[in-house]
Amino acid sequence: MTNSRGHILWVDDEVEHLKPHILFLEEKGYTLSKATNGQDAVVMSKSNQFDLILLDHSMPGMDGIETLSELKKHRSSQLIIMITKTEDEWLMDEAISGQVEQFLIKPVNPSQIFMACKQALEKKKLTQEKATSEYLKQFQEIDMTMQETLFVDDWWNLYDRLVDWQIKFDTYKDTGLGNILEEQINTCNREFTHFIESNYSAWIHMEDRPMLTKDIVPQYVVPRLKDHEKVCLLVVDCMRYDHFKTMMPLLEPLFNIELEYCLSLLPTATPYSRNAIFSGMFPDEMISKYPRQASDMKEDAPSLNQYEKQFLIDQLKVHHLKDTSVHYHKIWAVEEGNKFQSRIKEYASQDLIALVVNFVDILAHKSSQMDVLKEIVPDETGYRAAVKNWLEQSWLLKVLKYYSEMGVTVIMTSDHGSIRVQNDVMVSADRTASSGVRYKYGRNINTNPKNALVIKDPKDYRLPEFGPQPSYVIAKNDNYFIYPNEAHKYQGKFNNSFQHGGISMEEMIVPLAIMKSRS
């Protein structure tokens, strides 16, 4: 059986009449064992590791459905194809609910049986091989694309393709191409960083520019409110584009989803990009209008998003929606989420529900601090899986089901993403500098421009100016900042963790999903 394509057990009370079928499968390279009743099949399955079982439905004694149940008790992952003479739908339902791989109707010919066996046993291998071949072809195409002059939409389309391959390789881990894809993403990020360096400071002084997080409310929320739609603005802090695409299979049964994108402001962090969503302002405008926010940012306060509700109400007034009823809710713990979900009907009359959900951001930060989370979220694959599993079990999915049933339009987005940092970079700064790992501001801050965007004049980037000689440094690619006198401490704490604040596709290309009920 060393060279066998698979070991198959065929269970049929008339199995001796199936000799032509068995010979055909053996000629194709399979190894066949036979059983004439369900009891023998169950006994044989306990002492043999069959790759596939062909199971007849109509047998004396234990019929196919009973045998199926016993076989699955012993080995729940056992691949089983059921064969029957009847086309009764109830039988199909029983078989499908019993987790059969396929359901064949007699009479079946040898080629039909062979095709069913091949599909059951080799589908994953064949799809992996096809995925490998397709990616190697696209690898060349992506490399060629990188030689061209790219615009923002081109970068989004390119990143979208790379994310799709990441998600495919999450399923097909044995292709051996994961490291090649990771290196290609790193290469793309280096080029993307050059693109942002060359264009960002010009964009933010132009009206005809790419969509930024500050534009989400005026372009996507305001028009719907003026058309008297009920809207939920759902901001999942730190949710990346790949996170959303991983969650889409859970959301598509509830909503028709139009998936777009926008760019996070720099630095890709809450005080700048998330506050921009709710205020509709660049950071320099925001601190000019809201002195308390300026004070919090200047002092690097523990919370830099305390005024989002006021920002949002004031922004709606600017757009002549001062009478719009608004409920704002920030959720940072499961108890608060469950509480919101239990009271959701109380907020149903509101024109706009604004939800900020901090789970993904907390997961990113805590994964660098807790050993158990380092095990669960060791890399991008683990991060995507953790975010999808959270949504599947969370109060939020129940809330979204309710909004789907009620016909509420959900605008689901993020303020920024995060990147797994793997390269430490020395930075010099005085003791008043801010504490960020991927960005810093203050006086006398400096680092090698090869590793970071060094901003000496904050006005060029519409950033706040705090104190004399203010400057910013924003990390490029997968770099993170450390101080020379505590290098080992920061390396041990932050290396291979997920951080934000810098320049990368993962942090800057933000998902923007317009979700309308299927009801």
Protein backbone atom coordinates (compact mmCIF):
# COMPACT_ATOMS: atom_id res chain seq x y z
CA MET A 1 0.00 0.00 0.00
CA THR A 2 3.04 2.26 0.00
CA ASN A 3 2.36 3.54 -3.50
CA SER A 4 -1.44 3.41 -3.17
CA ARG A 5 -3.46 6.50 -4.03
CA GLY A 6 -5.61 5.67 -0.99
CA HIS A 7 -7.10 2.80 1.01
CA ILE A 8 -10.85 2.47 0.36
CA LEU A 9 -13.37 0.33 2.25
CA TRP A 10 -16.44 -0.61 0.16
CA VAL A 11 -19.45 -1.59 2.28
CA ASP A 12 -22.30 -3.31 0.38
CA ASP A 13 -24.26 -6.50 1.03
CA GLU A 14 -23.76 -7.32 -2.66
CA VAL A 15 -20.14 -6.24 -2.84
CA GLU A 16 -19.14 -9.38 -4.78
CA HIS A 17 -21.28 -8.12 -7.66
CA LEU A 18 -19.16 -4.98 -7.82
CA LYS A 19 -16.00 -6.72 -9.01
CA PRO A 20 -15.68 -4.65 -12.25
CA HIS A 21 -15.87 -1.44 -10.21
CA ILE A 22 -13.30 -2.68 -7.70
CA LEU A 23 -10.89 -3.86 -10.41
CA PHE A 24 -11.21 -0.48 -12.14
CA LEU A 25 -10.31 1.37 -8.90
CA GLU A 26 -7.40 -0.98 -8.27
CA GLU A 27 -6.13 -0.36 -11.80
CA LYS A 28 -6.27 3.37 -11.01
CA GLY A 29 -3.98 2.77 -8.03
CA TYR A 30 -6.33 2.50 -5.06
CA THR A 31 -6.23 -0.29 -2.46
CA LEU A 32 -9.65 -1.86 -1.78
CA SER A 33 -11.04 -3.66 1.27
CA LYS A 34 -14.60 -5.05 1.39
CA ALA A 35 -17.37 -5.49 3.96
CA THR A 36 -20.82 -6.99 3.39
CA ASN A 37 -22.60 -5.38 6.35
CA GLY A 38 -22.47 -2.38 8.67
CA GLN A 39 -21.31 -4.28 11.75
CA ASP A 40 -18.21 -5.59 9.99
CA ALA A 41 -17.51 -2.15 8.53
CA VAL A 42 -17.52 -0.56 12.00
CA VAL A 43 -15.19 -3.27 13.38
CA MET A 44 -12.81 -2.92 10.40
CA SER A 45 -12.73 0.87 10.69
CA LYS A 46 -11.55 0.62 14.29
CA SER A 47 -8.49 -1.43 13.32
CA ASN A 48 -7.74 0.25 9.96
CA GLN A 49 -7.20 3.86 8.92
CA PHE A 50 -9.29 3.99 5.76
CA ASP A 51 -8.84 7.07 3.59
CA LEU A 52 -12.40 6.72 2.23
CA ILE A 53 -15.45 4.53 2.80
CA LEU A 54 -18.00 3.77 0.05
CA LEU A 55 -21.21 3.00 1.93
CA ASP A 56 -24.38 1.43 0.53
CA HIS A 57 -27.63 2.63 2.05
CA SER A 58 -29.87 -0.45 1.68
CA MET A 59 -28.33 -3.30 3.71
CA PRO A 60 -29.93 -5.88 6.04
CA GLY A 61 -29.31 -5.29 9.72
CA MET A 62 -27.61 -1.93 10.17
CA ASP A 63 -28.57 0.19 7.20
CA GLY A 64 -26.34 2.89 5.71
CA ILE A 65 -27.59 5.71 7.93
CA GLU A 66 -27.01 3.72 11.14
CA THR A 67 -23.60 2.57 9.90
CA LEU A 68 -22.70 6.16 9.00
CA SER A 69 -23.55 7.26 12.55
CA GLU A 70 -21.38 4.53 14.12
CA LEU A 71 -18.46 5.21 11.78
CA LYS A 72 -18.55 8.93 12.60
CA LYS A 73 -18.62 8.19 16.34
CA HIS A 74 -15.31 6.37 15.96
CA ARG A 75 -13.70 8.89 13.60
CA SER A 76 -15.57 12.14 13.01
CA SER A 77 -13.29 13.20 10.14
CA GLN A 78 -13.78 9.95 8.17
CA LEU A 79 -14.53 10.61 4.48
CA ILE A 80 -17.66 8.73 3.41
CA ILE A 81 -19.52 8.52 0.09
CA MET A 82 -23.04 7.11 0.33
CA ILE A 83 -24.55 5.11 -2.55
CA THR A 84 -28.29 4.39 -2.79
CA LYS A 85 -31.04 3.32 -5.16
CA THR A 86 -33.54 5.89 -3.92
CA GLU A 87 -33.72 9.62 -4.66
CA ASP A 88 -35.87 10.41 -1.61
CA GLU A 89 -35.00 13.86 -0.33
CA TRP A 90 -35.35 12.82 3.31
CA LEU A 91 -32.60 10.27 2.79
CA MET A 92 -30.37 12.88 1.20
CA ASP A 93 -31.03 15.17 4.16
CA GLU A 94 -30.15 12.39 6.61
CA ALA A 95 -26.96 11.57 4.74
CA ILE A 96 -25.89 15.21 4.34
CA SER A 97 -26.59 15.97 8.00
CA GLY A 98 -24.54 12.87 8.80
CA GLN A 99 -21.63 14.54 6.99
CA VAL A 100 -21.15 12.45 3.89
CA GLU A 101 -18.67 13.71 1.34
CA GLN A 102 -20.90 12.86 -1.62
CA PHE A 103 -24.25 11.18 -2.39
CA LEU A 104 -24.44 8.90 -5.46
CA ILE A 105 -27.58 7.36 -7.01
CA LYS A 106 -27.45 3.82 -8.40
CA PRO A 107 -26.75 2.58 -10.96
CA VAL A 108 -23.20 3.93 -10.93
CA ASN A 109 -20.53 3.03 -13.46
CA PRO A 110 -16.81 2.50 -12.66
CA SER A 111 -15.79 5.90 -14.08
CA GLN A 112 -18.38 7.67 -11.93
CA ILE A 113 -17.11 5.92 -8.80
CA PHE A 114 -13.49 6.73 -9.74
CA MET A 115 -14.32 10.42 -10.23
CA ALA A 116 -16.10 10.57 -6.86
CA CYS A 117 -13.15 8.90 -5.09
CA LYS A 118 -10.62 11.14 -6.83
CA GLN A 119 -12.56 14.26 -5.88
CA ALA A 120 -12.94 13.19 -2.25
CA LEU A 121 -9.32 12.11 -1.78
CA GLU A 122 -7.40 14.48 -4.02
CA LYS A 123 -9.44 17.69 -4.14
CA LYS A 124 -7.28 19.48 -1.55
CA LYS A 125 -4.05 18.35 -3.19
CA LEU A 126 -5.24 19.37 -6.67
CA THR A 127 -6.50 22.77 -5.50
CA GLN A 128 -3.21 23.32 -3.67
CA GLU A 129 -1.27 22.49 -6.82
CA LYS A 130 -3.47 24.81 -8.85
CA ALA A 131 -3.06 27.59 -6.28
CA THR A 132 0.70 27.13 -6.35
CA SER A 133 0.78 27.33 -10.14
CA GLU A 134 -1.48 30.40 -10.23
CA TYR A 135 0.52 32.25 -7.59
CA LEU A 136 3.84 31.59 -9.31
CA LYS A 137 2.32 33.07 -12.44
CA GLN A 138 0.95 36.07 -10.55
CA PHE A 139 4.25 36.50 -8.71
CA GLN A 140 5.79 37.48 -12.05
CA GLU A 141 2.82 39.71 -12.93
CA ILE A 142 3.03 41.53 -9.58
CA ASP A 143 6.77 42.02 -9.98
CA MET A 144 6.18 43.51 -13.44
CA THR A 145 3.41 45.74 -12.08
CA MET A 146 5.86 47.13 -9.54
CA GLN A 147 7.98 48.48 -12.40
CA GLU A 148 5.10 50.65 -13.61
CA THR A 149 3.90 54.03 -12.37
CA LEU A 150 1.16 53.20 -9.86
CA PHE A 151 -1.67 55.37 -8.58
CA VAL A 152 -3.70 54.88 -5.40
CA ASP A 153 -6.28 52.59 -6.98
CA ASP A 154 -3.47 50.50 -8.43
CA TRP A 155 -1.99 50.05 -4.98
CA TRP A 156 -5.36 49.01 -3.59
CA ASN A 157 -5.86 46.48 -6.39
CA LEU A 158 -2.34 45.15 -5.85
CA TYR A 159 -2.82 44.85 -2.09
CA ASP A 160 -6.21 43.21 -2.65
CA ARG A 161 -4.52 40.50 -4.76
CA LEU A 162 -1.83 39.94 -2.14
CA VAL A 163 -4.43 39.67 0.64
CA ASP A 164 -6.39 37.10 -1.37
CA TRP A 165 -3.22 35.01 -1.65
CA GLN A 166 -2.57 35.35 2.06
CA ILE A 167 -6.04 34.01 2.80
CA LYS A 168 -5.64 31.15 0.30
CA PHE A 169 -2.32 30.15 1.83
CA ASP A 170 -3.94 30.18 5.28
CA THR A 171 -5.90 27.18 3.98
CA TYR A 172 -3.13 25.63 1.88
CA LYS A 173 -0.24 25.80 4.31
CA ASP A 174 1.70 22.99 2.63
CA THR A 175 2.44 24.85 -0.59
CA GLY A 176 5.75 26.14 0.79
CA LEU A 177 5.07 29.52 -0.83
CA GLY A 178 4.14 31.43 2.31
CA ASN A 179 7.65 32.79 2.79
CA ILE A 180 7.85 33.85 -0.87
CA LEU A 181 4.54 35.70 -0.54
CA GLU A 182 5.72 37.36 2.68
CA GLU A 183 8.88 38.57 0.98
CA GLN A 184 6.88 39.87 -1.98
CA ILE A 185 4.63 41.82 0.39
CA ASN A 186 7.75 43.28 2.04
CA THR A 187 9.03 44.34 -1.38
CA CYS A 188 5.68 45.92 -2.23
CA ASN A 189 5.68 47.73 1.10
CA ARG A 190 9.04 49.28 0.38
CA GLU A 191 7.71 50.63 -2.92
CA PHE A 192 4.44 51.70 -1.30
CA THR A 193 6.42 53.66 1.30
CA HIS A 194 8.26 55.53 -1.48
CA PHE A 195 4.88 56.24 -3.09
CA ILE A 196 3.45 57.69 0.13
CA GLU A 197 6.59 59.74 0.80
CA SER A 198 6.35 61.22 -2.69
CA ASN A 199 2.64 62.07 -2.62
CA TYR A 200 1.05 62.28 0.83
CA SER A 201 2.08 65.82 1.78
CA ALA A 202 0.71 67.11 -1.55
CA TRP A 203 -2.58 65.19 -1.28
CA ILE A 204 -3.57 66.64 2.07
CA HIS A 205 -3.42 70.16 0.63
CA MET A 206 -5.57 69.26 -2.41
CA GLU A 207 -9.30 68.83 -2.89
CA ASP A 208 -8.86 66.30 -5.68
CA ARG A 209 -7.08 63.64 -3.64
CA PRO A 210 -7.54 60.04 -2.55
CA MET A 211 -10.24 59.17 -0.04
CA LEU A 212 -8.94 59.62 3.51
CA THR A 213 -10.46 58.56 6.83
CA LYS A 214 -11.53 62.18 7.46
CA ASP A 215 -13.81 61.90 4.40
CA ILE A 216 -15.80 58.84 5.53
CA VAL A 217 -18.65 60.69 7.25
CA PRO A 218 -19.21 63.40 4.61
CA GLN A 219 -18.97 61.01 1.66
CA TYR A 220 -20.65 57.87 3.00
CA VAL A 221 -22.76 58.72 6.06
CA VAL A 222 -24.12 62.20 5.41
CA PRO A 223 -25.76 61.46 2.00
CA ARG A 224 -27.58 58.46 3.46
CA LEU A 225 -28.83 60.41 6.44
CA LYS A 226 -30.11 63.10 4.08
CA ASP A 227 -31.97 60.36 2.19
CA HIS A 228 -33.57 59.35 5.52
CA GLU A 229 -31.76 56.03 5.78
CA LYS A 230 -31.02 54.55 9.20
CA VAL A 231 -27.24 54.22 9.40
CA CYS A 232 -24.78 52.46 11.66
CA LEU A 233 -21.21 53.77 11.45
CA LEU A 234 -19.15 50.85 12.76
CA VAL A 235 -15.48 51.62 13.38
CA VAL A 236 -13.48 48.54 14.34
CA ASP A 237 -10.28 50.04 15.68
CA CYS A 238 -7.11 48.59 14.06
CA MET A 239 -9.04 46.28 11.70
CA ARG A 240 -6.95 45.55 8.63
CA TYR A 241 -8.13 44.96 5.09
CA ASP A 242 -7.24 41.25 5.35
CA HIS A 243 -9.21 40.98 8.60
CA PHE A 244 -12.34 42.24 6.91
CA LYS A 245 -11.94 39.94 3.91
CA THR A 246 -11.52 37.00 6.30
CA MET A 247 -14.76 37.99 8.06
CA MET A 248 -16.75 38.51 4.85
CA PRO A 249 -18.14 34.92 4.69
CA LEU A 250 -19.84 35.58 8.04
CA LEU A 251 -21.31 38.89 6.83
CA GLU A 252 -22.37 38.03 3.27
CA PRO A 253 -25.44 35.97 4.32
CA LEU A 254 -26.70 39.11 6.10
CA PHE A 255 -25.70 41.94 3.76
CA ASN A 256 -24.99 42.86 0.18
CA ILE A 257 -21.48 44.23 0.59
CA GLU A 258 -19.81 46.88 -1.53
CA LEU A 259 -16.16 46.79 -0.51
CA GLU A 260 -14.08 49.91 -1.05
CA TYR A 261 -11.08 51.47 0.68
CA CYS A 262 -9.68 54.67 2.07
CA LEU A 263 -6.31 55.75 3.39
CA SER A 264 -5.49 56.31 7.02
CA LEU A 265 -3.99 59.64 7.98
CA LEU A 266 -0.40 59.75 9.17
CA PRO A 267 0.55 58.81 11.78
CA THR A 268 -1.69 55.73 11.54
CA ALA A 269 -2.92 56.03 15.11
CA THR A 270 -6.05 56.93 17.08
CA PRO A 271 -5.27 60.61 17.86
CA TYR A 272 -4.92 61.34 14.15
CA SER A 273 -6.81 58.88 11.98
CA ARG A 274 -9.68 57.83 14.24
CA ASN A 275 -10.37 61.29 15.54
CA ALA A 276 -10.36 62.41 11.90
CA ILE A 277 -13.30 60.06 11.16
CA PHE A 278 -15.46 61.67 13.84
CA SER A 279 -14.30 65.26 13.44
CA GLY A 280 -13.97 65.28 9.65
CA MET A 281 -10.79 67.31 10.15
CA PHE A 282 -7.07 67.07 9.70
CA PRO A 283 -5.19 67.00 13.02
CA ASP A 284 -4.06 70.64 12.82
CA GLU A 285 -7.67 71.80 12.31
CA MET A 286 -8.89 69.56 15.11
CA ILE A 287 -6.57 70.88 17.82
CA SER A 288 -7.29 74.43 16.75
CA LYS A 289 -11.03 73.93 17.26
CA TYR A 290 -10.78 71.67 20.32
CA PRO A 291 -8.19 72.95 22.85
CA ARG A 292 -8.87 70.06 25.26
CA GLN A 293 -7.88 67.58 22.55
CA ALA A 294 -4.73 69.61 21.92
CA SER A 295 -3.89 69.50 25.62
CA ASP A 296 -4.37 65.73 25.79
CA MET A 297 -2.16 65.16 22.75
CA LYS A 298 0.53 67.53 23.99
CA GLU A 299 0.70 65.69 27.31
CA ASP A 300 0.53 62.24 25.64
CA ALA A 301 -2.48 61.46 27.84
CA PRO A 302 -3.56 57.80 28.37
CA SER A 303 -6.76 58.37 26.36
CA LEU A 304 -6.67 60.50 23.22
CA ASN A 305 -10.18 59.87 21.92
CA GLN A 306 -12.44 61.19 24.66
CA TYR A 307 -14.40 63.67 22.53
CA GLU A 308 -15.51 61.57 19.57
CA LYS A 309 -19.21 61.97 20.25
CA GLN A 310 -18.89 65.74 20.32
CA PHE A 311 -16.73 65.66 17.20
CA LEU A 312 -19.42 63.68 15.37
CA ILE A 313 -22.33 65.89 16.46
CA ASP A 314 -20.41 69.01 15.44
CA GLN A 315 -19.51 67.46 12.08
CA LEU A 316 -23.16 66.66 11.37
CA LYS A 317 -24.06 70.29 12.15
CA VAL A 318 -21.56 71.46 9.54
CA HIS A 319 -23.49 69.33 7.03
CA HIS A 320 -26.85 70.80 8.10
CA LEU A 321 -27.89 67.71 10.08
CA LYS A 322 -28.15 69.29 13.51
CA ASP A 323 -31.52 67.61 14.12
CA THR A 324 -30.17 64.13 13.38
CA SER A 325 -30.54 61.85 16.40
CA VAL A 326 -27.27 60.14 17.31
CA HIS A 327 -26.26 57.40 19.70
CA TYR A 328 -22.50 56.98 20.19
CA HIS A 329 -21.11 53.92 21.95
CA LYS A 330 -17.51 52.86 22.50
CA ILE A 331 -17.05 49.19 23.39
CA TRP A 332 -13.76 47.96 24.85
CA ALA A 333 -14.84 44.81 26.73
CA VAL A 334 -17.17 41.87 26.11
CA GLU A 335 -19.42 42.86 29.04
CA GLU A 336 -20.02 46.26 27.48
CA GLY A 337 -20.71 44.62 24.11
CA ASN A 338 -23.24 42.22 25.62
CA LYS A 339 -24.87 45.12 27.43
CA PHE A 340 -25.18 47.09 24.18
CA GLN A 341 -26.59 44.05 22.35
CA SER A 342 -29.20 43.45 25.08
CA ARG A 343 -30.38 47.08 24.84
CA ILE A 344 -30.16 47.42 21.07
CA LYS A 345 -33.90 47.98 20.60
CA GLU A 346 -33.69 51.06 22.82
CA TYR A 347 -31.50 52.72 20.19
CA ALA A 348 -33.56 51.61 17.18
CA SER A 349 -35.24 54.99 16.75
CA GLN A 350 -31.91 56.82 16.35
CA ASP A 351 -31.01 58.07 12.88
CA LEU A 352 -27.34 57.28 13.37
CA ILE A 353 -25.68 54.71 15.60
CA ALA A 354 -21.92 55.22 15.89
CA LEU A 355 -20.12 52.18 17.30
CA VAL A 356 -16.42 52.02 18.10
CA VAL A 357 -15.20 48.50 18.83
CA ASN A 358 -11.74 48.09 20.33
CA PHE A 359 -11.28 44.29 20.29
CA VAL A 360 -8.88 44.06 17.31
CA ASP A 361 -6.73 46.89 18.66
CA ILE A 362 -6.61 45.32 22.12
CA LEU A 363 -5.67 41.97 20.58
CA ALA A 364 -2.76 43.60 18.73
CA HIS A 365 -1.44 45.40 21.80
CA LYS A 366 -1.96 42.58 24.30
CA SER A 367 -0.35 40.00 22.00
CA SER A 368 3.01 41.68 22.73
CA GLN A 369 2.41 41.51 26.49
CA MET A 370 0.81 38.10 27.19
CA ASP A 371 2.52 34.79 26.45
CA VAL A 372 -0.78 33.00 25.81
CA LEU A 373 -1.71 35.53 23.11
CA LYS A 374 1.74 35.23 21.56
CA GLU A 375 0.89 31.54 21.05
CA ILE A 376 -2.57 32.31 19.60
CA VAL A 377 -1.44 35.24 17.43
CA PRO A 378 2.13 34.40 16.36
CA ASP A 379 1.77 35.77 12.83
CA GLU A 380 -0.67 37.15 10.25
CA THR A 381 -2.42 33.80 9.80
CA GLY A 382 -3.08 33.54 13.53
CA TYR A 383 -4.18 37.17 13.69
CA ARG A 384 -6.72 36.68 10.88
CA ALA A 385 -8.03 33.48 12.46
CA ALA A 386 -8.38 35.13 15.88
CA VAL A 387 -10.33 38.09 14.47
CA LYS A 388 -12.67 35.83 12.46
CA ASN A 389 -13.27 33.53 15.44
CA TRP A 390 -14.01 36.54 17.62
CA LEU A 391 -16.66 37.88 15.24
CA GLU A 392 -18.24 34.45 14.82
CA GLN A 393 -18.78 34.11 18.58
CA SER A 394 -19.28 37.75 19.49
CA TRP A 395 -22.11 40.00 20.50
CA LEU A 396 -21.27 42.11 17.42
CA LEU A 397 -22.48 39.48 14.95
CA LYS A 398 -25.81 39.39 16.81
CA VAL A 399 -26.00 43.18 16.53
CA LEU A 400 -25.27 43.03 12.80
CA LYS A 401 -27.96 40.35 12.32
CA TYR A 402 -30.43 42.67 14.03
CA TYR A 403 -29.44 45.61 11.83
CA SER A 404 -29.80 43.39 8.76
CA GLU A 405 -33.31 42.43 9.82
CA MET A 406 -34.20 46.08 10.51
CA GLY A 407 -32.84 47.30 7.16
CA VAL A 408 -30.16 49.52 8.71
CA THR A 409 -27.28 50.42 6.38
CA VAL A 410 -23.98 49.60 8.05
CA ILE A 411 -20.83 51.52 7.09
CA MET A 412 -18.09 49.28 8.49
CA THR A 413 -14.56 50.61 8.50
CA SER A 414 -11.41 51.13 10.53
CA ASP A 415 -9.13 53.99 11.46
CA HIS A 416 -5.89 52.17 10.60
CA GLY A 417 -4.37 48.71 10.49
CA SER A 418 -1.22 47.25 12.01
CA ILE A 419 1.95 45.50 10.88
CA ARG A 420 4.10 42.78 12.43
CA VAL A 421 7.32 44.62 13.29
CA GLN A 422 10.60 42.74 12.96
CA ASN A 423 13.36 45.32 12.55
CA ASP A 424 14.47 47.56 15.44
CA VAL A 425 15.67 51.08 14.62
CA MET A 426 17.56 53.39 16.96
CA VAL A 427 15.94 56.75 17.66
CA SER A 428 17.27 59.67 19.67
CA ALA A 429 14.91 61.96 21.57
CA ASP A 430 14.67 63.93 24.77
CA ARG A 431 12.56 62.78 27.70
CA THR A 432 9.49 64.77 26.59
CA ALA A 433 9.06 62.75 23.38
CA SER A 434 5.86 60.75 22.91
CA SER A 435 5.86 57.04 23.70
CA GLY A 436 4.83 55.48 20.37
CA VAL A 437 6.61 52.41 18.97
CA ARG A 438 5.96 53.24 15.27
CA TYR A 439 5.81 57.04 15.51
CA LYS A 440 7.10 59.72 17.84
CA TYR A 441 6.78 63.49 18.16
CA GLY A 442 8.54 66.05 20.30
CA ARG A 443 11.75 68.02 20.39
CA ASN A 444 15.11 66.91 19.01
CA ILE A 445 13.79 63.60 17.67
CA ASN A 446 15.94 61.99 15.05
CA THR A 447 16.62 58.72 13.28
CA ASN A 448 18.00 57.51 9.96
CA PRO A 449 15.69 58.74 7.12
CA LYS A 450 16.21 55.36 5.44
CA ASN A 451 14.12 53.79 8.21
CA ALA A 452 11.57 56.50 8.91
CA LEU A 453 9.84 59.55 7.50
CA VAL A 454 11.42 62.45 9.39
CA ILE A 455 9.13 65.50 9.53
CA LYS A 456 10.84 68.71 10.62
CA ASP A 457 7.97 71.00 9.65
CA PRO A 458 4.63 69.53 10.85
CA LYS A 459 2.64 72.07 8.79
CA ASP A 460 3.69 70.21 5.64
CA TYR A 461 1.72 67.20 6.91
CA ARG A 462 -1.08 69.10 8.66
CA LEU A 463 0.13 67.83 12.02
CA PRO A 464 -0.05 69.61 15.38
CA GLU A 465 2.97 71.60 16.56
CA PHE A 466 3.70 71.08 20.24
CA GLY A 467 6.48 73.05 21.91
CA PRO A 468 9.61 74.54 20.35
CA GLN A 469 11.28 72.84 17.38
CA PRO A 470 8.55 70.20 16.99
CA SER A 471 9.27 67.20 14.80
CA TYR A 472 7.83 63.77 14.01
CA VAL A 473 9.36 60.46 12.97
CA ILE A 474 7.11 57.84 11.36
CA ALA A 475 8.46 54.32 10.87
CA LYS A 476 8.59 52.77 7.41
CA ASN A 477 7.94 49.16 6.44
CA ASP A 478 8.28 46.76 9.43
CA ASN A 479 10.57 48.94 11.59
CA TYR A 480 9.98 49.89 15.22
CA PHE A 481 11.77 52.40 17.39
CA ILE A 482 14.05 51.61 20.32
CA TYR A 483 16.27 53.78 22.52
CA PRO A 484 20.00 52.98 22.67
CA ASN A 485 20.09 52.73 26.46
CA GLU A 486 17.24 50.17 26.68
CA ALA A 487 17.59 48.33 23.38
CA HIS A 488 17.31 44.77 24.73
CA LYS A 489 14.24 45.62 26.79
CA TYR A 490 12.33 46.96 23.79
CA GLN A 491 13.56 44.22 21.45
CA GLY A 492 12.26 41.54 23.79
CA LYS A 493 8.94 43.28 24.24
CA PHE A 494 8.08 44.41 20.72
CA ASN A 495 9.92 42.27 18.17
CA ASN A 496 7.43 40.20 16.12
CA SER A 497 4.44 42.02 17.67
CA PHE A 498 1.69 43.92 15.83
CA GLN A 499 2.05 47.69 16.01
CA HIS A 500 0.67 50.74 14.21
CA GLY A 501 1.49 54.37 13.61
CA GLY A 502 3.79 53.94 10.63
CA ILE A 503 3.72 53.64 6.85
CA SER A 504 2.75 50.31 5.28
CA MET A 505 -0.05 48.91 3.16
CA GLU A 506 -1.37 47.02 6.19
CA GLU A 507 -1.66 50.21 8.26
CA MET A 508 -2.74 52.71 5.61
CA ILE A 509 -5.08 50.85 3.23
CA VAL A 510 -8.25 50.73 5.30
CA PRO A 511 -11.36 48.65 4.42
CA LEU A 512 -14.57 50.59 3.83
CA ALA A 513 -17.63 48.35 3.47
CA ILE A 514 -21.11 49.61 2.60
CA MET A 515 -23.41 46.86 3.86
CA LYS A 516 -27.08 46.87 2.92
CA SER A 517 -29.53 44.29 4.22
CA ARG A 518 -30.44 41.28 2.07
CA SER A 519 -33.89 41.24 3.70
